[in-house]
């Protein structure tokens, strides 16, 4: 953190059990190290020669208005005292702190402040169950310059300095659709025309549209519509009420073409409304397999507009003209 950093200094309170002089000395050593590394630390040992109302002092230190983080130095004795498994006149301070900590966790239904610590080889079982599911930091040496990994990880958390930064998010990429694979059983040696004939023999509805009046005779792929027709379909889609809503336009295309049509799967539905209108119109041109109603995707799309969005004289005139150009079944004058 630089000298010009405007972040407030983290305020830390250390909660622990005073049962052993050596353990208390280690806790004091941790407090000195955190202070030396720029944090504001509160510890009962720093107020030993003052007249203190200890229950009130503990409550004030645990208050989030006064303390940003509470370091819980866990030991077997600390856990026993928090859980009340000691004599009645032993460990009142830790029991009081534990009761307040449980209350904060209960009301918040989350934990952003209470951090369990373990010194040296203290077993994991010393962590009270109320905080056992959150990260525990094991410290062996204190100070940012000691190289202790546990202390460094703790210090990074307290000061908001993650070791690994999240990368900048880029933009979503548009990927072209893959080529349609050959149908099962097709002979790769056949020329393109023979492959289409063989596919039609096996499945008459597999991506082809029969010429009107030919009954069950040969089937052919419809010619691609002129580019200006695709552009007019795009402009028509852009004029639809609700096209700017990703959910509304996706629902409309799903109803018009059917959820199983390939157009529905190849279009990326999030993004710019104008680009998406072009993508839908172009996909209907590129994948002309019949829809569930038997018409081409472009014809089904045009027929679905008045059904979904109601009748509009100028828009219906444009729809009727496009239907005539595309040879849609039932094309004619728009409804009055």
C-alpha atoms as a PDB file:
ATOM      1  CA  UNK A   1       0.000   0.000   0.000  1.00  0.00           C
ATOM      2  CA  UNK A   2       1.454   3.362  -1.027  1.00  0.00           C
ATOM      3  CA  UNK A   3       1.889   6.413   1.178  1.00  0.00           C
ATOM      4  CA  UNK A   4      -0.853   8.160  -0.785  1.00  0.00           C
ATOM      5  CA  UNK A   5      -3.354   5.356  -0.210  1.00  0.00           C
ATOM      6  CA  UNK A   6      -6.574   6.789   1.182  1.00  0.00           C
ATOM      7  CA  UNK A   7      -7.939   3.499   2.548  1.00  0.00           C
ATOM      8  CA  UNK A   8      -8.648   3.724   6.289  1.00  0.00           C
ATOM      9  CA  UNK A   9      -6.346   1.824   8.620  1.00  0.00           C
ATOM     10  CA  UNK A  10      -7.911  -1.576   9.469  1.00  0.00           C
ATOM     11  CA  UNK A  11      -8.984  -1.859  13.126  1.00  0.00           C
ATOM     12  CA  UNK A  12      -8.344  -5.250  14.709  1.00  0.00           C
ATOM     13  CA  UNK A  13      -9.410  -6.748  18.040  1.00  0.00           C
ATOM     14  CA  UNK A  14      -7.704  -9.903  19.333  1.00  0.00           C
ATOM     15  CA  UNK A  15      -9.825 -12.377  21.295  1.00  0.00           C
ATOM     16  CA  UNK A  16      -8.012 -15.174  23.177  1.00  0.00           C
ATOM     17  CA  UNK A  17      -7.951 -17.136  26.426  1.00  0.00           C
ATOM     18  CA  UNK A  18      -5.595 -16.065  29.222  1.00  0.00           C
ATOM     19  CA  UNK A  19      -4.635 -19.385  30.732  1.00  0.00           C
ATOM     20  CA  UNK A  20      -0.867 -19.554  30.226  1.00  0.00           C
ATOM     21  CA  UNK A  21       1.844 -16.886  30.460  1.00  0.00           C
ATOM     22  CA  UNK A  22       3.683 -18.173  27.391  1.00  0.00           C
ATOM     23  CA  UNK A  23       0.488 -18.172  25.315  1.00  0.00           C
ATOM     24  CA  UNK A  24      -0.406 -14.642  26.453  1.00  0.00           C
ATOM     25  CA  UNK A  25       3.132 -13.516  25.476  1.00  0.00           C
ATOM     26  CA  UNK A  26       2.678 -14.943  21.981  1.00  0.00           C
ATOM     27  CA  UNK A  27      -0.615 -13.086  21.608  1.00  0.00           C
ATOM     28  CA  UNK A  28       1.075  -9.856  22.667  1.00  0.00           C
ATOM     29  CA  UNK A  29       3.854 -10.514  20.156  1.00  0.00           C
ATOM     30  CA  UNK A  30       1.216 -10.833  17.415  1.00  0.00           C
ATOM     31  CA  UNK A  31      -0.364  -7.524  18.468  1.00  0.00           C
ATOM     32  CA  UNK A  32       3.035  -5.764  18.308  1.00  0.00           C
ATOM     33  CA  UNK A  33       3.722  -7.214  14.829  1.00  0.00           C
ATOM     34  CA  UNK A  34       0.357  -6.084  13.459  1.00  0.00           C
ATOM     35  CA  UNK A  35       0.849  -2.590  14.895  1.00  0.00           C
ATOM     36  CA  UNK A  36       4.351  -2.444  13.383  1.00  0.00           C
ATOM     37  CA  UNK A  37       2.838  -3.408  10.018  1.00  0.00           C
ATOM     38  CA  UNK A  38       0.408  -0.469  10.114  1.00  0.00           C
ATOM     39  CA  UNK A  39      -2.791  -1.851  11.675  1.00  0.00           C
ATOM     40  CA  UNK A  40      -4.702  -0.445  14.666  1.00  0.00           C
ATOM     41  CA  UNK A  41      -4.817  -3.238  17.250  1.00  0.00           C
ATOM     42  CA  UNK A  42      -6.857  -3.588  20.446  1.00  0.00           C
ATOM     43  CA  UNK A  43      -5.826  -6.155  23.089  1.00  0.00           C
ATOM     44  CA  UNK A  44      -6.657  -6.392  26.779  1.00  0.00           C
ATOM     45  CA  UNK A  45      -2.954  -6.584  27.692  1.00  0.00           C
ATOM     46  CA  UNK A  46      -2.475  -3.058  26.348  1.00  0.00           C
ATOM     47  CA  UNK A  47      -4.860  -1.758  29.059  1.00  0.00           C
ATOM     48  CA  UNK A  48      -3.618  -3.712  32.082  1.00  0.00           C
ATOM     49  CA  UNK A  49      -2.936  -0.650  34.222  1.00  0.00           C
ATOM     50  CA  UNK A  50      -6.191   1.140  33.454  1.00  0.00           C
ATOM     51  CA  UNK A  51      -9.535   1.196  35.243  1.00  0.00           C
ATOM     52  CA  UNK A  52     -11.691  -0.754  32.759  1.00  0.00           C
ATOM     53  CA  UNK A  53     -15.280  -2.029  32.782  1.00  0.00           C
ATOM     54  CA  UNK A  54     -14.228  -5.245  31.058  1.00  0.00           C
ATOM     55  CA  UNK A  55     -17.644  -6.605  29.929  1.00  0.00           C
ATOM     56  CA  UNK A  56     -18.518  -3.238  28.427  1.00  0.00           C
ATOM     57  CA  UNK A  57     -15.025  -2.889  26.945  1.00  0.00           C
ATOM     58  CA  UNK A  58     -15.334  -6.302  25.243  1.00  0.00           C
ATOM     59  CA  UNK A  59     -18.753  -5.430  23.856  1.00  0.00           C
ATOM     60  CA  UNK A  60     -17.447  -2.135  22.453  1.00  0.00           C
ATOM     61  CA  UNK A  61     -14.438  -3.844  20.868  1.00  0.00           C
ATOM     62  CA  UNK A  62     -16.673  -6.404  19.122  1.00  0.00           C
ATOM     63  CA  UNK A  63     -19.028  -3.712  17.813  1.00  0.00           C
ATOM     64  CA  UNK A  64     -18.534  -3.346  14.011  1.00  0.00           C
ATOM     65  CA  UNK A  65     -18.631   0.431  14.460  1.00  0.00           C
ATOM     66  CA  UNK A  66     -15.377   0.174  16.422  1.00  0.00           C
ATOM     67  CA  UNK A  67     -13.610  -2.850  14.917  1.00  0.00           C
ATOM     68  CA  UNK A  68     -13.233  -4.090  11.362  1.00  0.00           C
ATOM     69  CA  UNK A  69     -11.912  -7.568  12.186  1.00  0.00           C
ATOM     70  CA  UNK A  70     -11.860  -9.832  15.229  1.00  0.00           C
ATOM     71  CA  UNK A  71      -8.929 -12.266  15.392  1.00  0.00           C
ATOM     72  CA  UNK A  72      -9.907 -15.338  17.390  1.00  0.00           C
ATOM     73  CA  UNK A  73      -6.703 -16.993  18.658  1.00  0.00           C
ATOM     74  CA  UNK A  74      -8.000 -20.545  18.993  1.00  0.00           C
ATOM     75  CA  UNK A  75      -6.702 -23.071  21.489  1.00  0.00           C
ATOM     76  CA  UNK A  76      -8.269 -26.028  23.239  1.00  0.00           C
ATOM     77  CA  UNK A  77      -8.866 -23.875  26.313  1.00  0.00           C
ATOM     78  CA  UNK A  78     -10.318 -21.040  24.218  1.00  0.00           C
ATOM     79  CA  UNK A  79     -12.882 -23.417  22.708  1.00  0.00           C
ATOM     80  CA  UNK A  80     -13.782 -24.905  26.093  1.00  0.00           C
ATOM     81  CA  UNK A  81     -14.372 -21.450  27.570  1.00  0.00           C
ATOM     82  CA  UNK A  82     -16.472 -20.249  24.619  1.00  0.00           C
ATOM     83  CA  UNK A  83     -18.618 -23.367  24.896  1.00  0.00           C
ATOM     84  CA  UNK A  84     -18.882 -23.028  28.698  1.00  0.00           C
ATOM     85  CA  UNK A  85     -17.122 -26.330  29.464  1.00  0.00           C
ATOM     86  CA  UNK A  86     -15.139 -24.921  32.408  1.00  0.00           C
ATOM     87  CA  UNK A  87     -15.794 -24.099  36.044  1.00  0.00           C
ATOM     88  CA  UNK A  88     -18.337 -21.375  36.679  1.00  0.00           C
ATOM     89  CA  UNK A  89     -15.723 -18.860  37.882  1.00  0.00           C
ATOM     90  CA  UNK A  90     -13.268 -19.574  35.028  1.00  0.00           C
ATOM     91  CA  UNK A  91     -13.097 -17.882  31.644  1.00  0.00           C
ATOM     92  CA  UNK A  92     -15.935 -15.406  32.029  1.00  0.00           C
ATOM     93  CA  UNK A  93     -14.339 -12.946  29.573  1.00  0.00           C
ATOM     94  CA  UNK A  94     -13.936 -15.428  26.715  1.00  0.00           C
ATOM     95  CA  UNK A  95     -17.416 -16.869  27.342  1.00  0.00           C
ATOM     96  CA  UNK A  96     -18.847 -13.330  27.174  1.00  0.00           C
ATOM     97  CA  UNK A  97     -16.971 -12.605  23.936  1.00  0.00           C
ATOM     98  CA  UNK A  98     -18.065 -15.935  22.445  1.00  0.00           C
ATOM     99  CA  UNK A  99     -21.692 -15.207  23.250  1.00  0.00           C
ATOM    100  CA  UNK A 100     -21.467 -11.818  21.526  1.00  0.00           C
ATOM    101  CA  UNK A 101     -19.687 -13.336  18.492  1.00  0.00           C
ATOM    102  CA  UNK A 102     -22.394 -15.998  18.108  1.00  0.00           C
ATOM    103  CA  UNK A 103     -25.017 -13.268  18.264  1.00  0.00           C
ATOM    104  CA  UNK A 104     -23.378 -11.245  15.491  1.00  0.00           C
ATOM    105  CA  UNK A 105     -23.054 -14.315  13.245  1.00  0.00           C
ATOM    106  CA  UNK A 106     -26.649 -15.329  13.915  1.00  0.00           C
ATOM    107  CA  UNK A 107     -28.078 -11.937  13.009  1.00  0.00           C
ATOM    108  CA  UNK A 108     -25.879 -11.414   9.937  1.00  0.00           C
ATOM    109  CA  UNK A 109     -26.236 -14.989   8.612  1.00  0.00           C
ATOM    110  CA  UNK A 110     -22.727 -14.430   7.242  1.00  0.00           C
ATOM    111  CA  UNK A 111     -19.166 -13.830   8.389  1.00  0.00           C
ATOM    112  CA  UNK A 112     -17.052 -10.953   7.143  1.00  0.00           C
ATOM    113  CA  UNK A 113     -15.217 -10.066  10.377  1.00  0.00           C
ATOM    114  CA  UNK A 114     -14.411 -13.024  12.631  1.00  0.00           C
ATOM    115  CA  UNK A 115     -11.160 -14.785  11.682  1.00  0.00           C
ATOM    116  CA  UNK A 116      -9.962 -17.927  13.494  1.00  0.00           C
ATOM    117  CA  UNK A 117      -6.197 -18.246  14.033  1.00  0.00           C
ATOM    118  CA  UNK A 118      -4.054 -21.187  15.124  1.00  0.00           C
ATOM    119  CA  UNK A 119      -0.523 -20.818  16.532  1.00  0.00           C
ATOM    120  CA  UNK A 120       2.208 -23.284  15.550  1.00  0.00           C
ATOM    121  CA  UNK A 121       0.926 -26.897  15.772  1.00  0.00           C
ATOM    122  CA  UNK A 122      -2.342 -26.225  17.581  1.00  0.00           C
ATOM    123  CA  UNK A 123      -4.854 -28.827  16.246  1.00  0.00           C
ATOM    124  CA  UNK A 124      -7.723 -27.798  13.996  1.00  0.00           C
ATOM    125  CA  UNK A 125     -10.145 -29.184  16.572  1.00  0.00           C
ATOM    126  CA  UNK A 126      -9.400 -26.149  18.768  1.00  0.00           C
ATOM    127  CA  UNK A 127     -11.440 -23.934  16.424  1.00  0.00           C
ATOM    128  CA  UNK A 128     -14.966 -23.378  17.852  1.00  0.00           C
ATOM    129  CA  UNK A 129     -17.609 -24.922  15.558  1.00  0.00           C
ATOM    130  CA  UNK A 130     -19.346 -21.550  15.145  1.00  0.00           C
ATOM    131  CA  UNK A 131     -16.452 -20.358  12.916  1.00  0.00           C
ATOM    132  CA  UNK A 132     -14.951 -23.703  11.863  1.00  0.00           C
ATOM    133  CA  UNK A 133     -16.330 -23.526   8.307  1.00  0.00           C
ATOM    134  CA  UNK A 134     -14.491 -20.314   7.422  1.00  0.00           C
ATOM    135  CA  UNK A 135     -10.830 -19.879   6.546  1.00  0.00           C
ATOM    136  CA  UNK A 136      -8.430 -20.563   9.398  1.00  0.00           C
ATOM    137  CA  UNK A 137      -4.945 -19.029   9.374  1.00  0.00           C
ATOM    138  CA  UNK A 138      -2.030 -20.888  10.962  1.00  0.00           C
ATOM    139  CA  UNK A 139       0.737 -18.568  12.166  1.00  0.00           C
ATOM    140  CA  UNK A 140       4.244 -19.615  13.225  1.00  0.00           C
ATOM    141  CA  UNK A 141       6.069 -16.309  12.939  1.00  0.00           C
ATOM    142  CA  UNK A 142       4.702 -12.777  13.132  1.00  0.00           C
ATOM    143  CA  UNK A 143       5.526  -9.852  10.840  1.00  0.00           C
ATOM    144  CA  UNK A 144       5.258  -9.087   7.132  1.00  0.00           C
ATOM    145  CA  UNK A 145       9.008  -9.479   6.678  1.00  0.00           C
ATOM    146  CA  UNK A 146       9.329 -12.884   8.365  1.00  0.00           C
ATOM    147  CA  UNK A 147       8.159 -14.776   5.281  1.00  0.00           C
ATOM    148  CA  UNK A 148       5.544 -16.711   7.253  1.00  0.00           C
ATOM    149  CA  UNK A 149       2.894 -17.704   4.706  1.00  0.00           C
ATOM    150  CA  UNK A 150       0.077 -17.799   7.234  1.00  0.00           C
ATOM    151  CA  UNK A 151       0.842 -14.291   8.498  1.00  0.00           C
ATOM    152  CA  UNK A 152       1.128 -12.963   4.924  1.00  0.00           C
ATOM    153  CA  UNK A 153      -2.238 -14.466   3.956  1.00  0.00           C
ATOM    154  CA  UNK A 154      -3.830 -12.965   7.076  1.00  0.00           C
ATOM    155  CA  UNK A 155      -2.251  -9.570   6.420  1.00  0.00           C
ATOM    156  CA  UNK A 156      -3.479  -9.581   2.810  1.00  0.00           C
ATOM    157  CA  UNK A 157      -7.007 -10.270   4.035  1.00  0.00           C
ATOM    158  CA  UNK A 158      -6.914  -7.556   6.690  1.00  0.00           C
ATOM    159  CA  UNK A 159      -5.520  -4.950   4.294  1.00  0.00           C
ATOM    160  CA  UNK A 160      -7.461  -5.931   1.157  1.00  0.00           C
ATOM    161  CA  UNK A 161      -4.401  -6.914  -0.878  1.00  0.00           C
ATOM    162  CA  UNK A 162      -5.119 -10.210  -2.693  1.00  0.00           C
ATOM    163  CA  UNK A 163      -2.103 -12.133  -3.964  1.00  0.00           C
ATOM    164  CA  UNK A 164      -3.861 -12.979  -7.237  1.00  0.00           C
ATOM    165  CA  UNK A 165      -5.775 -10.258  -9.057  1.00  0.00           C
ATOM    166  CA  UNK A 166      -8.820 -11.006 -11.167  1.00  0.00           C
ATOM    167  CA  UNK A 167      -8.084 -10.377 -14.882  1.00  0.00           C
ATOM    168  CA  UNK A 168      -9.962  -7.755 -16.886  1.00  0.00           C
ATOM    169  CA  UNK A 169     -13.012  -9.261 -18.550  1.00  0.00           C
ATOM    170  CA  UNK A 170     -13.042  -9.157 -22.327  1.00  0.00           C
ATOM    171  CA  UNK A 171     -15.978  -9.213 -24.715  1.00  0.00           C
ATOM    172  CA  UNK A 172     -17.918 -12.274 -25.813  1.00  0.00           C
ATOM    173  CA  UNK A 173     -16.731 -13.669 -29.145  1.00  0.00           C
ATOM    174  CA  UNK A 174     -19.083 -14.687 -31.942  1.00  0.00           C
ATOM    175  CA  UNK A 175     -18.189 -18.103 -33.318  1.00  0.00           C
ATOM    176  CA  UNK A 176     -19.379 -19.268 -36.758  1.00  0.00           C
ATOM    177  CA  UNK A 177     -21.631 -22.344 -36.834  1.00  0.00           C
ATOM    178  CA  UNK A 178     -20.021 -25.630 -37.755  1.00  0.00           C
ATOM    179  CA  UNK A 179     -20.765 -27.331 -41.063  1.00  0.00           C
ATOM    180  CA  UNK A 180     -23.682 -29.755 -41.081  1.00  0.00           C
ATOM    181  CA  UNK A 181     -22.279 -33.330 -40.865  1.00  0.00           C
ATOM    182  CA  UNK A 182     -23.190 -35.894 -43.486  1.00  0.00           C
ATOM    183  CA  UNK A 183     -26.229 -38.008 -42.562  1.00  0.00           C
ATOM    184  CA  UNK A 184     -25.540 -41.507 -41.184  1.00  0.00           C
ATOM    185  CA  UNK A 185     -24.918 -44.023 -43.953  1.00  0.00           C
ATOM    186  CA  UNK A 186     -24.146 -41.457 -46.672  1.00  0.00           C
ATOM    187  CA  UNK A 187     -21.436 -42.500 -49.115  1.00  0.00           C
ATOM    188  CA  UNK A 188     -18.610 -39.880 -49.070  1.00  0.00           C
ATOM    189  CA  UNK A 189     -17.709 -40.894 -52.619  1.00  0.00           C
ATOM    190  CA  UNK A 190     -21.036 -39.655 -54.008  1.00  0.00           C
ATOM    191  CA  UNK A 191     -21.039 -36.224 -55.609  1.00  0.00           C
ATOM    192  CA  UNK A 192     -22.986 -33.410 -53.973  1.00  0.00           C
ATOM    193  CA  UNK A 193     -26.122 -33.963 -56.024  1.00  0.00           C
ATOM    194  CA  UNK A 194     -26.110 -37.693 -55.358  1.00  0.00           C
ATOM    195  CA  UNK A 195     -25.652 -37.096 -51.641  1.00  0.00           C
ATOM    196  CA  UNK A 196     -28.728 -34.849 -51.599  1.00  0.00           C
ATOM    197  CA  UNK A 197     -30.743 -37.428 -53.496  1.00  0.00           C
ATOM    198  CA  UNK A 198     -29.625 -40.183 -51.125  1.00  0.00           C
ATOM    199  CA  UNK A 199     -30.478 -38.022 -48.094  1.00  0.00           C
ATOM    200  CA  UNK A 200     -33.919 -37.263 -49.555  1.00  0.00           C
ATOM    201  CA  UNK A 201     -34.548 -40.974 -50.204  1.00  0.00           C
ATOM    202  CA  UNK A 202     -33.798 -41.764 -46.540  1.00  0.00           C
ATOM    203  CA  UNK A 203     -35.570 -38.738 -45.057  1.00  0.00           C
ATOM    204  CA  UNK A 204     -37.778 -36.645 -47.399  1.00  0.00           C
ATOM    205  CA  UNK A 205     -37.967 -33.794 -44.858  1.00  0.00           C
ATOM    206  CA  UNK A 206     -34.229 -33.567 -44.160  1.00  0.00           C
ATOM    207  CA  UNK A 207     -33.450 -29.951 -44.998  1.00  0.00           C
ATOM    208  CA  UNK A 208     -35.172 -29.729 -48.401  1.00  0.00           C
ATOM    209  CA  UNK A 209     -38.384 -28.086 -49.641  1.00  0.00           C
ATOM    210  CA  UNK A 210     -40.368 -29.659 -52.419  1.00  0.00           C
ATOM    211  CA  UNK A 211     -41.354 -27.601 -55.436  1.00  0.00           C
ATOM    212  CA  UNK A 212     -45.086 -26.778 -55.420  1.00  0.00           C
ATOM    213  CA  UNK A 213     -47.202 -29.246 -57.382  1.00  0.00           C
ATOM    214  CA  UNK A 214     -44.568 -31.986 -57.614  1.00  0.00           C
ATOM    215  CA  UNK A 215     -46.115 -34.248 -54.952  1.00  0.00           C
ATOM    216  CA  UNK A 216     -43.596 -36.908 -53.991  1.00  0.00           C
ATOM    217  CA  UNK A 217     -41.301 -36.227 -56.909  1.00  0.00           C
ATOM    218  CA  UNK A 218     -37.749 -34.801 -56.734  1.00  0.00           C
ATOM    219  CA  UNK A 219     -37.102 -32.162 -54.082  1.00  0.00           C
ATOM    220  CA  UNK A 220     -34.820 -29.155 -54.363  1.00  0.00           C
ATOM    221  CA  UNK A 221     -33.337 -26.623 -51.963  1.00  0.00           C
ATOM    222  CA  UNK A 222     -35.072 -23.231 -52.310  1.00  0.00           C
ATOM    223  CA  UNK A 223     -32.936 -20.465 -53.766  1.00  0.00           C
ATOM    224  CA  UNK A 224     -31.418 -18.064 -51.264  1.00  0.00           C
ATOM    225  CA  UNK A 225     -33.402 -14.832 -50.962  1.00  0.00           C
ATOM    226  CA  UNK A 226     -31.762 -11.677 -52.329  1.00  0.00           C
ATOM    227  CA  UNK A 227     -29.632  -9.816 -49.803  1.00  0.00           C
ATOM    228  CA  UNK A 228     -32.005  -6.840 -49.836  1.00  0.00           C
ATOM    229  CA  UNK A 229     -34.800  -9.171 -48.693  1.00  0.00           C
ATOM    230  CA  UNK A 230     -32.712 -10.270 -45.707  1.00  0.00           C
ATOM    231  CA  UNK A 231     -31.999  -6.617 -44.904  1.00  0.00           C
ATOM    232  CA  UNK A 232     -35.721  -5.779 -45.095  1.00  0.00           C
ATOM    233  CA  UNK A 233     -36.511  -8.634 -42.713  1.00  0.00           C
ATOM    234  CA  UNK A 234     -33.893  -7.271 -40.347  1.00  0.00           C
ATOM    235  CA  UNK A 235     -35.394  -3.780 -40.491  1.00  0.00           C
ATOM    236  CA  UNK A 236     -38.846  -5.257 -39.929  1.00  0.00           C
ATOM    237  CA  UNK A 237     -37.660  -7.071 -36.804  1.00  0.00           C
ATOM    238  CA  UNK A 238     -36.099  -3.887 -35.456  1.00  0.00           C
ATOM    239  CA  UNK A 239     -39.475  -2.130 -35.668  1.00  0.00           C
ATOM    240  CA  UNK A 240     -41.212  -4.737 -33.528  1.00  0.00           C
ATOM    241  CA  UNK A 241     -42.274  -3.555 -30.062  1.00  0.00           C
ATOM    242  CA  UNK A 242     -40.161  -5.312 -27.455  1.00  0.00           C
ATOM    243  CA  UNK A 243     -37.338  -6.339 -29.827  1.00  0.00           C
ATOM    244  CA  UNK A 244     -34.867  -4.601 -27.498  1.00  0.00           C
ATOM    245  CA  UNK A 245     -35.829  -7.145 -24.820  1.00  0.00           C
ATOM    246  CA  UNK A 246     -33.670 -10.277 -25.132  1.00  0.00           C
ATOM    247  CA  UNK A 247     -36.365 -12.416 -23.528  1.00  0.00           C
ATOM    248  CA  UNK A 248     -39.189 -11.065 -25.724  1.00  0.00           C
ATOM    249  CA  UNK A 249     -37.362 -11.542 -29.042  1.00  0.00           C
ATOM    250  CA  UNK A 250     -36.110 -15.002 -28.071  1.00  0.00           C
ATOM    251  CA  UNK A 251     -39.627 -16.091 -27.152  1.00  0.00           C
ATOM    252  CA  UNK A 252     -41.014 -14.737 -30.425  1.00  0.00           C
ATOM    253  CA  UNK A 253     -38.511 -16.640 -32.590  1.00  0.00           C
ATOM    254  CA  UNK A 254     -39.040 -19.793 -30.532  1.00  0.00           C
ATOM    255  CA  UNK A 255     -42.810 -19.637 -31.095  1.00  0.00           C
ATOM    256  CA  UNK A 256     -42.489 -18.760 -34.795  1.00  0.00           C
ATOM    257  CA  UNK A 257     -39.906 -21.402 -35.764  1.00  0.00           C
ATOM    258  CA  UNK A 258     -40.159 -24.007 -33.020  1.00  0.00           C
ATOM    259  CA  UNK A 259     -37.604 -24.625 -30.288  1.00  0.00           C
ATOM    260  CA  UNK A 260     -35.952 -27.453 -32.213  1.00  0.00           C
ATOM    261  CA  UNK A 261     -35.157 -25.495 -35.360  1.00  0.00           C
ATOM    262  CA  UNK A 262     -31.443 -24.925 -35.886  1.00  0.00           C
ATOM    263  CA  UNK A 263     -31.843 -21.165 -36.189  1.00  0.00           C
ATOM    264  CA  UNK A 264     -32.804 -21.057 -32.528  1.00  0.00           C
ATOM    265  CA  UNK A 265     -29.553 -22.766 -31.530  1.00  0.00           C
ATOM    266  CA  UNK A 266     -27.037 -20.935 -33.748  1.00  0.00           C
ATOM    267  CA  UNK A 267     -28.105 -17.397 -32.806  1.00  0.00           C
ATOM    268  CA  UNK A 268     -26.411 -15.708 -29.813  1.00  0.00           C
ATOM    269  CA  UNK A 269     -29.368 -14.084 -28.071  1.00  0.00           C
ATOM    270  CA  UNK A 270     -27.580 -11.534 -25.926  1.00  0.00           C
ATOM    271  CA  UNK A 271     -26.079  -8.351 -27.346  1.00  0.00           C
ATOM    272  CA  UNK A 272     -26.927  -5.462 -29.645  1.00  0.00           C
ATOM    273  CA  UNK A 273     -30.550  -5.547 -30.861  1.00  0.00           C
ATOM    274  CA  UNK A 274     -29.668  -4.391 -34.394  1.00  0.00           C
ATOM    275  CA  UNK A 275     -26.938  -7.000 -34.806  1.00  0.00           C
ATOM    276  CA  UNK A 276     -29.236  -9.688 -33.442  1.00  0.00           C
ATOM    277  CA  UNK A 277     -31.998  -8.765 -35.925  1.00  0.00           C
ATOM    278  CA  UNK A 278     -29.496  -9.275 -38.747  1.00  0.00           C
ATOM    279  CA  UNK A 279     -28.245 -12.543 -37.203  1.00  0.00           C
ATOM    280  CA  UNK A 280     -31.784 -13.948 -36.998  1.00  0.00           C
ATOM    281  CA  UNK A 281     -32.667 -12.964 -40.573  1.00  0.00           C
ATOM    282  CA  UNK A 282     -29.365 -14.309 -41.947  1.00  0.00           C
ATOM    283  CA  UNK A 283     -29.655 -17.555 -39.974  1.00  0.00           C
ATOM    284  CA  UNK A 284     -33.137 -18.088 -41.431  1.00  0.00           C
ATOM    285  CA  UNK A 285     -31.549 -17.722 -44.868  1.00  0.00           C
ATOM    286  CA  UNK A 286     -28.564 -19.990 -44.080  1.00  0.00           C
ATOM    287  CA  UNK A 287     -30.655 -22.753 -42.487  1.00  0.00           C
ATOM    288  CA  UNK A 288     -33.823 -23.046 -44.635  1.00  0.00           C
ATOM    289  CA  UNK A 289     -34.925 -26.418 -43.221  1.00  0.00           C
ATOM    290  CA  UNK A 290     -38.734 -26.455 -42.917  1.00  0.00           C
ATOM    291  CA  UNK A 291     -40.236 -25.409 -39.615  1.00  0.00           C
ATOM    292  CA  UNK A 292     -42.818 -27.458 -37.738  1.00  0.00           C
ATOM    293  CA  UNK A 293     -45.530 -25.798 -39.873  1.00  0.00           C
ATOM    294  CA  UNK A 294     -43.775 -26.907 -43.078  1.00  0.00           C
ATOM    295  CA  UNK A 295     -42.804 -23.412 -44.260  1.00  0.00           C
ATOM    296  CA  UNK A 296     -39.350 -21.926 -44.582  1.00  0.00           C
ATOM    297  CA  UNK A 297     -37.908 -20.093 -41.549  1.00  0.00           C
ATOM    298  CA  UNK A 298     -38.247 -16.661 -43.170  1.00  0.00           C
ATOM    299  CA  UNK A 299     -41.863 -17.327 -44.107  1.00  0.00           C
ATOM    300  CA  UNK A 300     -42.624 -18.675 -40.634  1.00  0.00           C
ATOM    301  CA  UNK A 301     -40.982 -15.621 -39.080  1.00  0.00           C
ATOM    302  CA  UNK A 302     -43.046 -13.225 -41.202  1.00  0.00           C
ATOM    303  CA  UNK A 303     -46.274 -15.140 -40.525  1.00  0.00           C
ATOM    304  CA  UNK A 304     -45.607 -15.055 -36.787  1.00  0.00           C
ATOM    305  CA  UNK A 305     -45.269 -11.275 -36.530  1.00  0.00           C
ATOM    306  CA  UNK A 306     -48.988 -10.334 -36.679  1.00  0.00           C
ATOM    307  CA  UNK A 307     -49.810 -13.307 -34.445  1.00  0.00           C
ATOM    308  CA  UNK A 308     -47.391 -12.190 -31.731  1.00  0.00           C
ATOM    309  CA  UNK A 309     -47.498  -8.399 -32.121  1.00  0.00           C
ATOM    310  CA  UNK A 310     -50.929  -7.731 -33.639  1.00  0.00           C
ATOM    311  CA  UNK A 311     -51.877  -6.122 -36.942  1.00  0.00           C
ATOM    312  CA  UNK A 312     -50.308  -2.864 -38.136  1.00  0.00           C
ATOM    313  CA  UNK A 313     -51.190  -1.492 -41.614  1.00  0.00           C
ATOM    314  CA  UNK A 314     -47.758  -0.283 -42.734  1.00  0.00           C
ATOM    315  CA  UNK A 315     -45.934  -3.230 -41.192  1.00  0.00           C
ATOM    316  CA  UNK A 316     -48.433  -5.744 -42.626  1.00  0.00           C
ATOM    317  CA  UNK A 317     -47.985  -4.215 -46.099  1.00  0.00           C
ATOM    318  CA  UNK A 318     -44.253  -4.846 -45.842  1.00  0.00           C
ATOM    319  CA  UNK A 319     -44.841  -8.396 -44.570  1.00  0.00           C
ATOM    320  CA  UNK A 320     -47.173  -9.178 -47.512  1.00  0.00           C
ATOM    321  CA  UNK A 321     -44.630  -7.835 -50.027  1.00  0.00           C
ATOM    322  CA  UNK A 322     -41.818  -9.920 -48.499  1.00  0.00           C
ATOM    323  CA  UNK A 323     -44.018 -13.014 -48.464  1.00  0.00           C
ATOM    324  CA  UNK A 324     -44.677 -12.571 -52.198  1.00  0.00           C
ATOM    325  CA  UNK A 325     -40.966 -12.182 -52.929  1.00  0.00           C
ATOM    326  CA  UNK A 326     -40.160 -15.303 -50.911  1.00  0.00           C
ATOM    327  CA  UNK A 327     -43.035 -17.329 -52.363  1.00  0.00           C
ATOM    328  CA  UNK A 328     -44.522 -17.981 -48.963  1.00  0.00           C
ATOM    329  CA  UNK A 329     -47.666 -20.115 -48.888  1.00  0.00           C
ATOM    330  CA  UNK A 330     -50.768 -17.990 -48.511  1.00  0.00           C
ATOM    331  CA  UNK A 331     -48.990 -14.778 -49.496  1.00  0.00           C
ATOM    332  CA  UNK A 332     -51.344 -12.021 -50.539  1.00  0.00           C
ATOM    333  CA  UNK A 333     -52.770  -8.728 -49.492  1.00  0.00           C
ATOM    334  CA  UNK A 334     -52.405  -7.750 -45.851  1.00  0.00           C
ATOM    335  CA  UNK A 335     -55.423  -7.887 -43.569  1.00  0.00           C
ATOM    336  CA  UNK A 336     -57.510  -4.706 -43.490  1.00  0.00           C
END
